[in-house]
Amino acid sequence: MQKVLRPYQAETVNKLKDRLKAVKHPLLVTASVGAGKSLIIAEILLWMEKSGYRALCLTLNSTLIQQNAQAYTSQGGHCGIYVGSLNAYEIKPLVIFGSPQSVCNGIRDQKDISKCRFNLIVIDECHNIDPHDSNTMYQRIINHFGLLSQAEQYGFRTIGLTGTPYRGKGNSIIGDDQFFREEVCNIDSSWLISQGYLTKPIFGLTEVDSYDFSNIRVNAMGKFSGSELQAVVSANERLTGSIMQELQKIMQDRKGAFIFASTRKHCEECAKSLPIGEWAIITGETPHDERKRIIESAKMGKLKYLVSVNCLNVGVDVPLFDCCAWLRPTESLVLYTQGIGRVLRLHPKKTEALILDYAGNLQRHGDIDDPMINGAIQPREENEKDYIIPCCACGVANTIHARRCIGINDSRRCENYFTWKDCDSCSTKNDSTSRQCRTCGHELIDPNAKLSLKAAKPDLEMFTVALGKYWVTENYEYPQFNCMYNLTNGLVIYESFNIRDERMKNIFYGCFVRHQVNNASSYYPVLTSLIHLRNMIQSGDIKTPHELGCRFEKNRYKISKRIFHESINTM
């Protein structure tokens, strides 16, 4: 059935049409969950089809691809689907919905789709685009079809849509050095809630203790280790049962809950304490048909609990569910916001959405410029008037528990901190719970823990370096910088940096480039580029340390100190 656009949706479509005619650079639409991205996409693509132009819509998730294609056909469009996992390779219609992996493979293998002259590419969940690496799937696709369509009268355009316009821990995807230079409109969750298009989220307080994930560090990929998460959960199996018991009491007057667990085994531990027949587990390995059946059962009210790990953040529409419970920490603000968004959709039987956090995520991401999270920590004068302090920088009211002011100055979060950690490397103020500096990525240590930590750490072992070798490889389409140090005692020490996002770039710069590269600051903007990293090696700007101070941790030597006082051979 064809849908009528809401006023803001129609306004967004009209703005997009005007800007597509006026400019050639990529355009961004920020549209939160429930804003109707699929309908906005459908109207733009329908305009293209009726004008006789070709368009490609890319989405990572096959479920989302089918939903977007269905929304398009419901609006009267004719489209093809190009997704290998669905065994669909249609290219004849003017409008194609596809996955970046399948399209990229088609270009590589010189399939028929590689010869299509698309005038417009629309990218859903476009925060996944890395603007600094031309070798990623999205950049390969854009570059290929951009060159192919240069001769077209209309030319080539790109539109991106996302509800989370940032990567990693809040790094904006809009700017002069980003892929998207212009944001056409911003339909955020706070505005949708105020206008009655989304359900209001309530961040609930829990009586049961939360898991203590404070000692878990992100790995080289910028992710929490599943084995370390499971170790925490396994050591607190009784706590999992207690949390599930509390959740069942809370859910007596509610319709349904998403439970975000830490691992597959954790999902099973959660399910043990839930009523038989009222739950289902969905993981990345759940077959497409079974996943679809489970979601339909939840929509119909046959299931009350959906337990998952690393999925259900996008492409899932169960408006009836009115609660989400976080039993896992997430290092990604994108995933945290997307997970909360699952329960914000409107339904006649719910008036609010309850967010329960048993993993400290609200505190973990409380230093971020996100309206929904800032709203969760906003003081309420009617019940907290004795516990409010004004910010000395901007005057905005904060609770006495606030670590950073929640005020907004010139569309940016106020920089005033009430409690903080100073970075030993660059002196930037950081949230007191941060593990790495938000500017340079340097590891931060709690000042109160310095003495005990110093005593607990093993002494440095000093080694003399005979030869240093450096090279770059591609790891899952991201550059990986590798180092090999041949020592005079015959040992070899390896070091590598997988530069997959801004955070990992900062760590690479702080740990290696700042110490070992001449003119280090000039390389900082291009550290995510495979080509520039290779040029850095070939330039001769890399210095090899004469000595390395190392600690032996987890069966390998980890470099903690680099000493330079004479030149060393470099390969």
Protein backbone atom coordinates (compact mmCIF):
# COMPACT_ATOMS: atom_id res chain seq x y z
CA MET A 1 0.00 0.00 0.00
CA GLN A 2 1.37 3.39 -1.00
CA LYS A 3 2.18 5.67 1.96
CA VAL A 4 1.71 9.41 2.24
CA LEU A 5 4.86 11.22 3.31
CA ARG A 6 4.96 13.03 6.63
CA PRO A 7 5.62 16.79 6.28
CA TYR A 8 9.29 16.52 7.31
CA GLN A 9 9.81 13.56 4.95
CA ALA A 10 8.38 15.53 2.02
CA GLU A 11 10.55 18.51 2.97
CA THR A 12 13.65 16.27 3.08
CA VAL A 13 12.89 14.80 -0.36
CA ASN A 14 12.40 18.25 -1.86
CA LYS A 15 15.66 19.53 -0.32
CA LEU A 16 17.51 16.53 -1.71
CA LYS A 17 16.13 17.12 -5.20
CA ASP A 18 17.19 20.76 -5.11
CA ARG A 19 20.69 19.99 -3.86
CA LEU A 20 21.19 17.11 -6.34
CA LYS A 21 20.51 19.59 -9.12
CA ALA A 22 22.78 22.25 -7.63
CA VAL A 23 25.92 20.41 -6.42
CA LYS A 24 27.99 17.34 -7.21
CA HIS A 25 29.49 16.54 -3.79
CA PRO A 26 28.02 13.73 -1.59
CA LEU A 27 24.95 14.70 0.45
CA LEU A 28 24.07 13.39 3.90
CA VAL A 29 20.66 12.90 5.49
CA THR A 30 20.73 12.22 9.22
CA ALA A 31 17.52 10.36 10.01
CA SER A 32 17.07 8.55 13.31
CA VAL A 33 15.26 5.24 13.75
CA GLY A 34 11.56 5.75 13.05
CA ALA A 35 12.17 8.73 10.75
CA GLY A 36 11.21 6.67 7.71
CA LYS A 37 14.52 6.40 5.86
CA SER A 38 13.17 3.69 3.57
CA LEU A 39 10.32 5.98 2.46
CA ILE A 40 12.68 8.91 1.83
CA ILE A 41 14.94 6.60 -0.19
CA ALA A 42 11.95 5.25 -2.12
CA GLU A 43 10.73 8.72 -3.14
CA ILE A 44 14.16 9.83 -4.37
CA LEU A 45 14.66 6.62 -6.34
CA LEU A 46 11.15 6.85 -7.78
CA TRP A 47 11.98 10.36 -8.99
CA MET A 48 15.11 8.98 -10.66
CA GLU A 49 13.23 6.09 -12.31
CA LYS A 50 10.49 8.37 -13.66
CA SER A 51 13.19 10.68 -15.06
CA GLY A 52 14.81 7.75 -16.88
CA TYR A 53 18.00 7.68 -14.77
CA ARG A 54 19.72 4.65 -13.23
CA ALA A 55 20.22 4.40 -9.46
CA LEU A 56 21.87 1.95 -7.07
CA CYS A 57 20.93 1.67 -3.37
CA LEU A 58 23.54 -0.03 -1.15
CA THR A 59 22.86 -1.55 2.27
CA LEU A 60 25.02 -3.97 4.29
CA ASN A 61 22.18 -6.03 5.76
CA SER A 62 20.17 -8.35 3.46
CA THR A 63 17.07 -7.88 5.62
CA LEU A 64 17.33 -4.11 5.24
CA ILE A 65 17.83 -4.50 1.49
CA GLN A 66 14.57 -6.44 1.22
CA GLN A 67 12.76 -3.90 3.42
CA ASN A 68 13.99 -0.97 1.32
CA ALA A 69 13.07 -2.76 -1.91
CA GLN A 70 9.60 -3.57 -0.55
CA ALA A 71 9.06 0.06 0.47
CA TYR A 72 10.07 1.11 -3.03
CA THR A 73 7.70 -1.26 -4.83
CA SER A 74 4.89 -0.23 -2.43
CA GLN A 75 5.38 3.36 -3.62
CA GLY A 76 4.96 2.21 -7.23
CA GLY A 77 8.56 1.62 -8.27
CA HIS A 78 10.11 -1.26 -10.25
CA CYS A 79 13.45 -2.55 -9.01
CA GLY A 80 15.98 -5.35 -9.10
CA ILE A 81 17.93 -6.94 -6.22
CA TYR A 82 21.65 -7.72 -6.46
CA VAL A 83 22.61 -9.76 -3.37
CA GLY A 84 24.68 -12.94 -3.50
CA SER A 85 23.32 -14.34 -0.20
CA LEU A 86 19.80 -14.13 -1.68
CA ASN A 87 20.98 -15.59 -5.00
CA ALA A 88 19.59 -12.52 -6.77
CA TYR A 89 21.52 -10.77 -9.56
CA GLU A 90 18.99 -8.53 -11.34
CA ILE A 91 20.34 -5.54 -13.26
CA LYS A 92 17.73 -4.76 -15.96
CA PRO A 93 15.51 -2.37 -13.95
CA LEU A 94 16.67 1.24 -13.68
CA VAL A 95 16.77 0.98 -9.88
CA ILE A 96 18.84 -1.72 -8.15
CA PHE A 97 19.01 -2.56 -4.44
CA GLY A 98 22.24 -4.38 -3.58
CA SER A 99 24.85 -5.21 -0.98
CA PRO A 100 28.27 -3.55 -1.27
CA GLN A 101 30.00 -6.93 -1.03
CA SER A 102 28.06 -8.41 -3.95
CA VAL A 103 28.40 -5.29 -6.11
CA CYS A 104 32.12 -5.01 -5.34
CA ASN A 105 32.59 -8.66 -6.28
CA GLY A 106 30.66 -8.03 -9.50
CA ILE A 107 33.01 -5.16 -10.38
CA ARG A 108 36.08 -7.26 -9.57
CA ASP A 109 34.85 -10.19 -11.69
CA GLN A 110 33.69 -7.85 -14.48
CA LYS A 111 30.09 -9.05 -14.28
CA ASP A 112 27.30 -7.24 -16.12
CA ILE A 113 26.66 -4.91 -13.19
CA SER A 114 30.18 -3.49 -13.61
CA LYS A 115 29.08 -2.02 -16.97
CA CYS A 116 25.95 -0.25 -15.62
CA ARG A 117 26.06 3.55 -15.77
CA PHE A 118 24.45 4.65 -12.50
CA ASN A 119 23.64 8.33 -12.13
CA LEU A 120 22.94 8.08 -8.40
CA ILE A 121 24.19 5.88 -5.58
CA VAL A 122 22.23 5.90 -2.31
CA ILE A 123 23.99 4.41 0.73
CA ASP A 124 21.92 3.38 3.73
CA GLU A 125 23.75 3.21 7.10
CA CYS A 126 26.44 5.37 5.46
CA HIS A 127 28.45 5.85 8.67
CA ASN A 128 30.25 2.67 7.57
CA ILE A 129 32.08 4.59 4.82
CA ASP A 130 35.77 5.22 5.60
CA PRO A 131 36.59 8.55 3.90
CA HIS A 132 40.35 8.07 4.12
CA ASP A 133 40.80 4.70 2.43
CA SER A 134 40.17 4.36 -1.30
CA ASN A 135 40.48 0.56 -1.08
CA THR A 136 37.32 -0.10 0.93
CA MET A 137 34.26 -1.65 -0.73
CA TYR A 138 32.25 1.57 -0.72
CA GLN A 139 35.07 3.69 -2.13
CA ARG A 140 35.83 1.13 -4.87
CA ILE A 141 32.17 1.10 -5.91
CA ILE A 142 31.86 4.91 -5.87
CA ASN A 143 35.11 5.39 -7.78
CA HIS A 144 34.20 2.75 -10.39
CA PHE A 145 30.72 4.05 -11.20
CA GLY A 146 31.84 7.65 -10.85
CA LEU A 147 34.37 7.19 -13.65
CA LEU A 148 31.91 5.16 -15.72
CA SER A 149 29.22 7.86 -15.55
CA GLN A 150 31.39 10.91 -16.20
CA ALA A 151 30.10 11.16 -19.78
CA GLU A 152 26.45 11.10 -18.70
CA GLN A 153 24.55 14.37 -19.16
CA TYR A 154 23.18 14.23 -15.61
CA GLY A 155 26.55 13.22 -14.15
CA PHE A 156 27.03 11.22 -10.97
CA ARG A 157 25.74 11.90 -7.45
CA THR A 158 25.89 10.23 -4.02
CA ILE A 159 23.43 10.37 -1.11
CA GLY A 160 24.06 8.84 2.32
CA LEU A 161 21.52 8.20 5.08
CA THR A 162 22.18 7.25 8.69
CA GLY A 163 20.71 7.68 12.14
CA THR A 164 24.20 7.83 13.67
CA PRO A 165 26.35 10.41 11.81
CA TYR A 166 29.60 9.42 13.50
CA ARG A 167 32.17 6.64 13.57
CA GLY A 168 33.76 5.00 16.60
CA LYS A 169 33.42 7.09 19.77
CA GLY A 170 31.58 10.04 18.31
CA ASN A 171 33.80 11.15 15.40
CA SER A 172 31.59 13.11 12.98
CA ILE A 173 31.31 11.90 9.38
CA ILE A 174 30.60 15.46 8.16
CA GLY A 175 33.36 17.94 7.37
CA ASP A 176 35.90 19.22 4.89
CA ASP A 177 38.12 16.16 5.44
CA GLN A 178 35.21 13.69 5.40
CA PHE A 179 33.37 11.97 2.56
CA PHE A 180 30.21 13.96 3.29
CA ARG A 181 30.71 17.71 3.02
CA GLU A 182 27.08 18.73 3.46
CA GLU A 183 24.23 17.62 5.73
CA VAL A 184 20.94 18.36 3.96
CA CYS A 185 18.82 17.78 7.07
CA ASN A 186 18.99 16.28 10.55
CA ILE A 187 15.95 14.40 11.82
CA ASP A 188 17.28 13.27 15.19
CA SER A 189 15.59 11.11 17.81
CA SER A 190 15.04 14.00 20.23
CA TRP A 191 13.02 15.95 17.65
CA LEU A 192 11.02 12.88 16.62
CA ILE A 193 10.20 12.17 20.26
CA SER A 194 9.12 15.78 20.86
CA GLN A 195 6.85 15.64 17.79
CA GLY A 196 5.28 12.34 18.81
CA TYR A 197 6.87 10.24 16.06
CA LEU A 198 8.89 8.12 18.50
CA THR A 199 8.26 6.73 21.96
CA LYS A 200 10.02 8.52 24.82
CA PRO A 201 12.93 6.51 26.29
CA ILE A 202 13.16 6.11 30.07
CA PHE A 203 16.56 5.13 31.47
CA GLY A 204 15.63 2.93 34.43
CA LEU A 205 17.51 2.32 37.66
CA THR A 206 18.24 -1.28 38.55
CA GLU A 207 18.33 -2.83 42.01
CA VAL A 208 20.51 -5.79 41.01
CA ASP A 209 24.26 -5.21 40.73
CA SER A 210 25.74 -4.64 37.27
CA TYR A 211 28.59 -6.57 35.69
CA ASP A 212 32.01 -5.10 36.26
CA PHE A 213 33.59 -4.81 32.82
CA SER A 214 35.90 -1.97 33.88
CA ASN A 215 39.09 -3.98 33.39
CA ILE A 216 38.24 -5.10 29.86
CA ARG A 217 40.31 -3.31 27.22
CA VAL A 218 39.62 -3.03 23.51
CA ASN A 219 41.81 -5.17 21.26
CA ALA A 220 43.88 -4.14 18.23
CA MET A 221 40.65 -4.07 16.17
CA GLY A 222 39.10 -1.55 18.56
CA LYS A 223 36.67 -4.18 19.90
CA PHE A 224 36.11 -5.91 23.22
CA SER A 225 37.40 -9.48 23.26
CA GLY A 226 34.62 -12.06 23.35
CA SER A 227 36.72 -14.42 25.49
CA GLU A 228 37.41 -11.67 28.06
CA LEU A 229 33.75 -10.69 28.16
CA GLN A 230 32.76 -14.31 28.68
CA ALA A 231 35.31 -14.64 31.48
CA VAL A 232 33.59 -11.80 33.36
CA VAL A 233 30.14 -13.27 32.70
CA SER A 234 31.18 -16.82 33.67
CA ALA A 235 32.58 -15.53 36.96
CA ASN A 236 29.16 -13.96 37.66
CA GLU A 237 26.73 -16.67 36.56
CA ARG A 238 24.54 -16.10 39.61
CA LEU A 239 24.38 -12.40 38.71
CA THR A 240 23.04 -13.29 35.26
CA GLY A 241 20.25 -15.28 36.91
CA SER A 242 19.47 -12.42 39.31
CA ILE A 243 19.30 -9.93 36.45
CA MET A 244 16.92 -12.17 34.52
CA GLN A 245 14.72 -12.53 37.61
CA GLU A 246 14.60 -8.74 38.06
CA LEU A 247 13.86 -8.30 34.35
CA GLN A 248 10.89 -10.68 34.55
CA LYS A 249 9.41 -8.69 37.43
CA ILE A 250 9.85 -5.47 35.48
CA MET A 251 8.30 -7.07 32.38
CA GLN A 252 5.11 -8.16 34.15
CA ASP A 253 3.40 -4.99 32.91
CA ARG A 254 5.35 -4.69 29.65
CA LYS A 255 5.08 -6.25 26.21
CA GLY A 256 8.55 -7.37 25.17
CA ALA A 257 12.30 -6.91 25.69
CA PHE A 258 15.47 -7.04 23.64
CA ILE A 259 18.33 -8.52 25.66
CA PHE A 260 21.81 -7.69 24.38
CA ALA A 261 24.21 -10.32 25.72
CA SER A 262 28.01 -10.51 25.55
CA THR A 263 28.54 -13.86 23.80
CA ARG A 264 26.60 -16.80 22.37
CA LYS A 265 27.17 -18.72 25.62
CA HIS A 266 25.94 -15.71 27.58
CA CYS A 267 22.73 -15.74 25.49
CA GLU A 268 22.16 -19.34 26.54
CA GLU A 269 22.84 -18.49 30.20
CA CYS A 270 20.25 -15.71 30.03
CA ALA A 271 17.69 -18.00 28.40
CA LYS A 272 18.04 -20.58 31.20
CA SER A 273 16.37 -18.16 33.62
CA LEU A 274 13.56 -17.06 31.28
CA PRO A 275 10.11 -18.70 31.02
CA ILE A 276 10.01 -21.62 28.59
CA GLY A 277 8.37 -20.73 25.29
CA GLU A 278 8.66 -16.96 25.79
CA TRP A 279 12.18 -16.41 24.42
CA ALA A 280 14.32 -16.93 21.35
CA ILE A 281 18.02 -16.45 20.63
CA ILE A 282 19.22 -14.71 17.47
CA THR A 283 22.92 -14.54 16.57
CA GLY A 284 24.86 -13.84 13.41
CA GLU A 285 24.69 -17.57 12.63
CA THR A 286 20.89 -17.76 12.78
CA PRO A 287 19.62 -18.73 9.27
CA HIS A 288 17.73 -15.99 7.42
CA ASP A 289 14.41 -17.89 7.33
CA GLU A 290 14.57 -18.80 11.02
CA ARG A 291 15.45 -15.23 11.96
CA LYS A 292 12.47 -13.98 9.94
CA ARG A 293 10.15 -16.49 11.66
CA ILE A 294 11.37 -15.44 15.13
CA ILE A 295 10.88 -11.73 14.39
CA GLU A 296 7.35 -12.37 13.10
CA SER A 297 6.51 -14.32 16.27
CA ALA A 298 7.76 -11.41 18.38
CA LYS A 299 5.68 -8.92 16.37
CA MET A 300 2.58 -11.03 17.01
CA GLY A 301 3.26 -11.14 20.77
CA LYS A 302 4.08 -14.86 20.83
CA LEU A 303 7.60 -14.16 22.17
CA LYS A 304 8.38 -11.76 25.00
CA TYR A 305 12.19 -11.88 25.03
CA LEU A 306 14.65 -11.71 22.13
CA VAL A 307 18.19 -12.52 23.27
CA SER A 308 20.99 -11.62 20.89
CA VAL A 309 24.69 -10.95 20.46
CA ASN A 310 26.14 -8.69 17.74
CA CYS A 311 22.86 -8.39 15.86
CA LEU A 312 19.30 -6.94 16.09
CA ASN A 313 20.79 -3.43 16.07
CA VAL A 314 19.52 -2.65 12.54
CA GLY A 315 16.95 -4.15 10.19
CA VAL A 316 14.63 -5.23 13.02
CA ASP A 317 11.16 -3.73 13.43
CA VAL A 318 9.21 -4.99 16.46
CA PRO A 319 7.18 -1.91 17.51
CA LEU A 320 5.43 -3.85 20.29
CA PHE A 321 8.65 -4.28 22.31
CA ASP A 322 9.01 -1.61 24.99
CA CYS A 323 12.23 -2.51 26.82
CA CYS A 324 15.87 -3.22 26.04
CA ALA A 325 18.36 -4.59 28.56
CA TRP A 326 22.11 -4.22 28.02
CA LEU A 327 24.06 -7.09 29.57
CA ARG A 328 27.14 -6.40 27.47
CA PRO A 329 29.46 -3.43 27.20
CA THR A 330 29.82 -1.86 23.80
CA GLU A 331 32.76 0.26 22.73
CA SER A 332 30.68 1.68 19.88
CA LEU A 333 28.33 4.62 20.38
CA VAL A 334 26.76 3.70 17.03
CA LEU A 335 25.74 0.24 18.27
CA TYR A 336 24.55 1.60 21.62
CA THR A 337 22.33 4.21 19.97
CA GLN A 338 21.04 1.74 17.38
CA GLY A 339 20.22 -0.80 20.10
CA ILE A 340 18.21 1.76 22.07
CA GLY A 341 16.44 2.73 18.85
CA ARG A 342 14.94 -0.76 18.54
CA VAL A 343 12.37 0.06 21.24
CA LEU A 344 11.54 3.64 20.26
CA ARG A 345 9.06 2.84 17.47
CA LEU A 346 5.45 3.78 18.12
CA HIS A 347 2.82 1.21 19.07
CA PRO A 348 -0.71 1.73 20.41
CA LYS A 349 0.00 -0.47 23.43
CA LYS A 350 3.03 1.40 24.75
CA THR A 351 3.63 4.89 26.10
CA GLU A 352 7.36 4.74 26.88
CA ALA A 353 10.45 2.65 26.21
CA LEU A 354 12.50 1.42 29.16
CA ILE A 355 16.30 1.20 28.84
CA LEU A 356 18.06 -0.98 31.41
CA ASP A 357 21.85 -0.96 31.53
CA TYR A 358 23.66 -3.69 33.47
CA ALA A 359 27.00 -3.07 31.76
CA GLY A 360 27.84 0.60 32.41
CA ASN A 361 27.28 1.81 28.85
CA LEU A 362 25.52 5.03 29.83
CA GLN A 363 28.55 6.05 31.89
CA ARG A 364 30.90 4.75 29.19
CA HIS A 365 29.33 6.98 26.54
CA GLY A 366 28.30 9.87 28.77
CA ASP A 367 31.07 12.04 27.32
CA ILE A 368 29.49 12.07 23.84
CA ASP A 369 27.55 14.77 21.95
CA ASP A 370 24.40 12.69 21.54
CA PRO A 371 21.05 14.35 22.43
CA MET A 372 19.38 11.14 23.63
CA ILE A 373 22.25 10.17 25.95
CA ASN A 374 22.67 13.74 27.20
CA GLY A 375 18.94 13.76 27.88
CA ALA A 376 19.30 10.64 30.00
CA ILE A 377 21.74 12.40 32.33
CA GLN A 378 19.88 15.75 32.33
CA PRO A 379 18.92 16.86 35.88
CA ARG A 380 15.23 17.32 36.70
CA GLU A 381 14.75 20.33 38.98
CA GLU A 382 11.48 19.10 40.44
CA ASN A 383 13.16 16.12 42.11
CA GLU A 384 16.86 16.99 42.09
CA LYS A 385 16.93 20.70 43.00
CA ASP A 386 19.30 20.09 45.92
CA TYR A 387 21.72 18.20 43.70
CA ILE A 388 22.20 20.61 40.78
CA ILE A 389 25.31 22.66 40.02
CA PRO A 390 25.68 25.29 37.27
CA CYS A 391 28.51 25.04 34.76
CA CYS A 392 31.03 27.87 35.30
CA ALA A 393 31.67 27.99 31.54
CA CYS A 394 28.15 28.09 30.07
CA GLY A 395 25.75 28.20 33.05
CA VAL A 396 23.82 25.03 32.14
CA ALA A 397 22.51 23.00 35.10
CA ASN A 398 24.17 19.65 35.81
CA THR A 399 23.75 17.08 38.54
CA ILE A 400 26.47 16.82 41.17
CA HIS A 401 27.31 13.43 39.64
CA ALA A 402 28.12 14.93 36.22
CA ARG A 403 31.66 14.40 34.97
CA ARG A 404 31.33 16.77 31.99
CA CYS A 405 28.89 19.62 31.37
CA ILE A 406 25.91 18.64 29.20
CA GLY A 407 25.54 22.15 27.76
CA ILE A 408 25.75 22.87 24.03
CA ASN A 409 27.85 25.77 22.71
CA ASP A 410 27.80 26.51 18.95
CA SER A 411 26.29 23.07 18.27
CA ARG A 412 29.12 21.37 20.19
CA ARG A 413 29.22 19.81 23.65
CA CYS A 414 30.59 22.13 26.33
CA GLU A 415 34.27 21.40 27.02
CA ASN A 416 34.05 22.02 30.79
CA TYR A 417 34.81 18.94 32.92
CA PHE A 418 33.98 18.64 36.63
CA THR A 419 36.21 15.59 37.07
CA TRP A 420 38.73 14.44 34.51
CA LYS A 421 41.99 12.73 33.63
CA ASP A 422 44.82 14.71 32.07
CA CYS A 423 46.60 13.00 29.19
CA ASP A 424 50.32 12.62 29.98
CA SER A 425 51.09 12.86 26.28
CA CYS A 426 49.12 15.90 25.03
CA SER A 427 47.56 17.38 28.25
CA THR A 428 43.98 17.06 26.89
CA LYS A 429 41.23 16.72 29.51
CA ASN A 430 39.43 13.37 29.24
CA ASP A 431 36.45 11.77 30.91
CA SER A 432 37.51 10.13 34.17
CA THR A 433 36.37 6.70 32.91
CA SER A 434 38.26 6.92 29.59
CA ARG A 435 40.96 4.37 28.83
CA GLN A 436 42.49 6.28 25.91
CA CYS A 437 42.96 10.00 25.23
CA ARG A 438 40.18 11.38 23.00
CA THR A 439 42.75 13.46 21.07
CA CYS A 440 45.89 11.33 20.64
CA GLY A 441 44.82 7.84 21.75
CA HIS A 442 47.46 7.69 24.52
CA GLU A 443 46.62 5.17 27.28
CA LEU A 444 45.25 6.86 30.39
CA ILE A 445 45.83 5.60 33.91
CA ASP A 446 43.79 6.48 36.96
CA PRO A 447 46.02 8.77 39.09
CA ASN A 448 44.79 7.02 42.25
CA ALA A 449 45.91 3.66 40.87
CA LYS A 450 49.38 4.68 39.68
CA LEU A 451 51.28 3.42 42.73
CA SER A 452 49.66 -0.01 42.84
CA LEU A 453 49.84 -0.41 39.08
CA LYS A 454 53.52 0.51 39.05
CA ALA A 455 54.30 -2.13 41.62
CA ALA A 456 52.28 -4.77 39.78
CA LYS A 457 53.91 -4.26 36.39
CA PRO A 458 56.97 -6.35 35.53
CA ASP A 459 60.24 -4.48 35.00
CA LEU A 460 61.25 -3.47 31.50
CA GLU A 461 63.68 -5.69 29.65
CA MET A 462 66.04 -3.66 27.46
CA PHE A 463 67.12 -5.01 24.05
CA THR A 464 69.55 -3.64 21.47
CA VAL A 465 68.20 -3.45 17.92
CA ALA A 466 70.33 -4.61 14.97
CA LEU A 467 67.84 -4.11 12.14
CA GLY A 468 64.32 -2.70 11.66
CA LYS A 469 61.94 -3.65 8.86
CA TYR A 470 58.57 -2.01 8.02
CA TRP A 471 55.83 -2.94 5.58
CA VAL A 472 52.10 -2.45 4.98
CA THR A 473 49.45 -5.09 4.30
CA GLU A 474 45.69 -4.95 3.76
CA ASN A 475 43.63 -6.55 6.53
CA TYR A 476 39.89 -6.82 5.79
CA GLU A 477 40.21 -3.79 3.49
CA TYR A 478 41.97 -1.70 6.16
CA PRO A 479 45.70 -0.93 6.15
CA GLN A 480 47.85 -2.77 8.69
CA PHE A 481 51.27 -1.32 9.46
CA ASN A 482 53.83 -3.98 10.45
CA CYS A 483 57.20 -3.69 12.21
CA MET A 484 59.92 -6.31 12.72
CA TYR A 485 62.94 -5.65 14.93
CA ASN A 486 65.92 -8.03 14.75
CA LEU A 487 67.76 -7.87 18.07
CA THR A 488 71.48 -8.38 18.65
CA ASN A 489 70.73 -11.41 20.87
CA GLY A 490 69.01 -13.22 17.98
CA LEU A 491 65.40 -12.54 19.08
CA VAL A 492 62.83 -10.93 16.76
CA ILE A 493 60.08 -8.63 18.08
CA TYR A 494 57.00 -7.88 15.98
CA GLU A 495 54.57 -4.97 16.26
CA SER A 496 51.51 -4.21 14.13
CA PHE A 497 48.76 -1.59 13.96
CA ASN A 498 45.43 -2.27 12.22
CA ILE A 499 44.31 1.25 11.25
CA ARG A 500 40.57 0.70 10.76
CA ASP A 501 39.19 3.95 12.24
CA GLU A 502 40.11 7.34 13.72
CA ARG A 503 40.75 5.87 17.16
CA MET A 504 43.19 3.28 15.85
CA LYS A 505 44.83 5.97 13.72
CA ASN A 506 45.44 8.02 16.88
CA ILE A 507 46.88 5.01 18.70
CA PHE A 508 49.21 4.31 15.77
CA TYR A 509 50.30 7.94 15.75
CA GLY A 510 50.82 8.11 19.52
CA CYS A 511 52.64 4.78 19.85
CA PHE A 512 54.74 4.72 16.68
CA VAL A 513 54.62 7.69 14.27
CA ARG A 514 55.19 10.42 16.88
CA HIS A 515 58.38 8.67 18.06
CA GLN A 516 59.81 7.06 14.96
CA VAL A 517 58.90 9.24 11.97
CA ASN A 518 60.51 12.51 10.93
CA ASN A 519 57.96 15.27 10.24
CA ALA A 520 55.40 13.09 12.05
CA SER A 521 52.61 15.70 12.11
CA SER A 522 52.63 16.00 8.30
CA TYR A 523 51.71 12.31 8.03
CA TYR A 524 48.90 12.42 10.59
CA PRO A 525 46.02 13.27 8.16
CA VAL A 526 46.89 10.37 5.79
CA LEU A 527 47.62 7.51 8.20
CA THR A 528 44.53 5.56 7.08
CA SER A 529 45.72 5.52 3.46
CA LEU A 530 47.51 2.41 2.21
CA ILE A 531 49.31 4.44 -0.48
CA HIS A 532 50.55 7.15 1.89
CA LEU A 533 51.77 4.59 4.43
CA ARG A 534 53.85 2.91 1.73
CA ASN A 535 55.19 6.32 0.67
CA MET A 536 56.11 6.99 4.30
CA ILE A 537 58.21 3.81 4.35
CA GLN A 538 59.87 4.56 1.01
CA SER A 539 60.62 8.18 1.99
CA GLY A 540 63.25 7.18 4.53
CA ASP A 541 61.54 9.23 7.24
CA ILE A 542 61.16 6.24 9.57
CA LYS A 543 63.80 5.97 12.30
CA THR A 544 64.62 2.66 13.95
CA PRO A 545 65.29 2.84 17.71
CA HIS A 546 68.68 1.72 19.04
CA GLU A 547 67.06 0.12 22.11
CA LEU A 548 63.61 -1.22 22.94
CA GLY A 549 62.19 -1.46 26.44
CA CYS A 550 59.73 -4.39 26.53
CA ARG A 551 57.49 -6.24 28.92
CA PHE A 552 56.65 -9.91 28.44
CA GLU A 553 52.83 -10.13 28.46
CA LYS A 554 50.55 -12.90 27.17
CA ASN A 555 53.45 -14.92 25.75
CA ARG A 556 54.94 -12.07 23.71
CA TYR A 557 57.12 -9.00 24.14
CA LYS A 558 55.23 -5.71 24.07
CA ILE A 559 57.17 -2.53 23.33
CA SER A 560 56.85 0.11 26.06
CA LYS A 561 59.88 2.32 25.45
CA ARG A 562 61.96 3.37 22.41
CA ILE A 563 65.45 4.86 22.76
CA PHE A 564 67.27 6.65 19.93
CA HIS A 565 70.95 7.56 20.08
CA GLU A 566 72.46 6.25 16.84
CA SER A 567 71.25 5.23 13.40
CA ILE A 568 70.07 1.68 12.79
CA ASN A 569 69.67 -0.16 9.52
CA THR A 570 66.13 0.00 8.17
CA MET A 571 64.50 -2.14 5.49
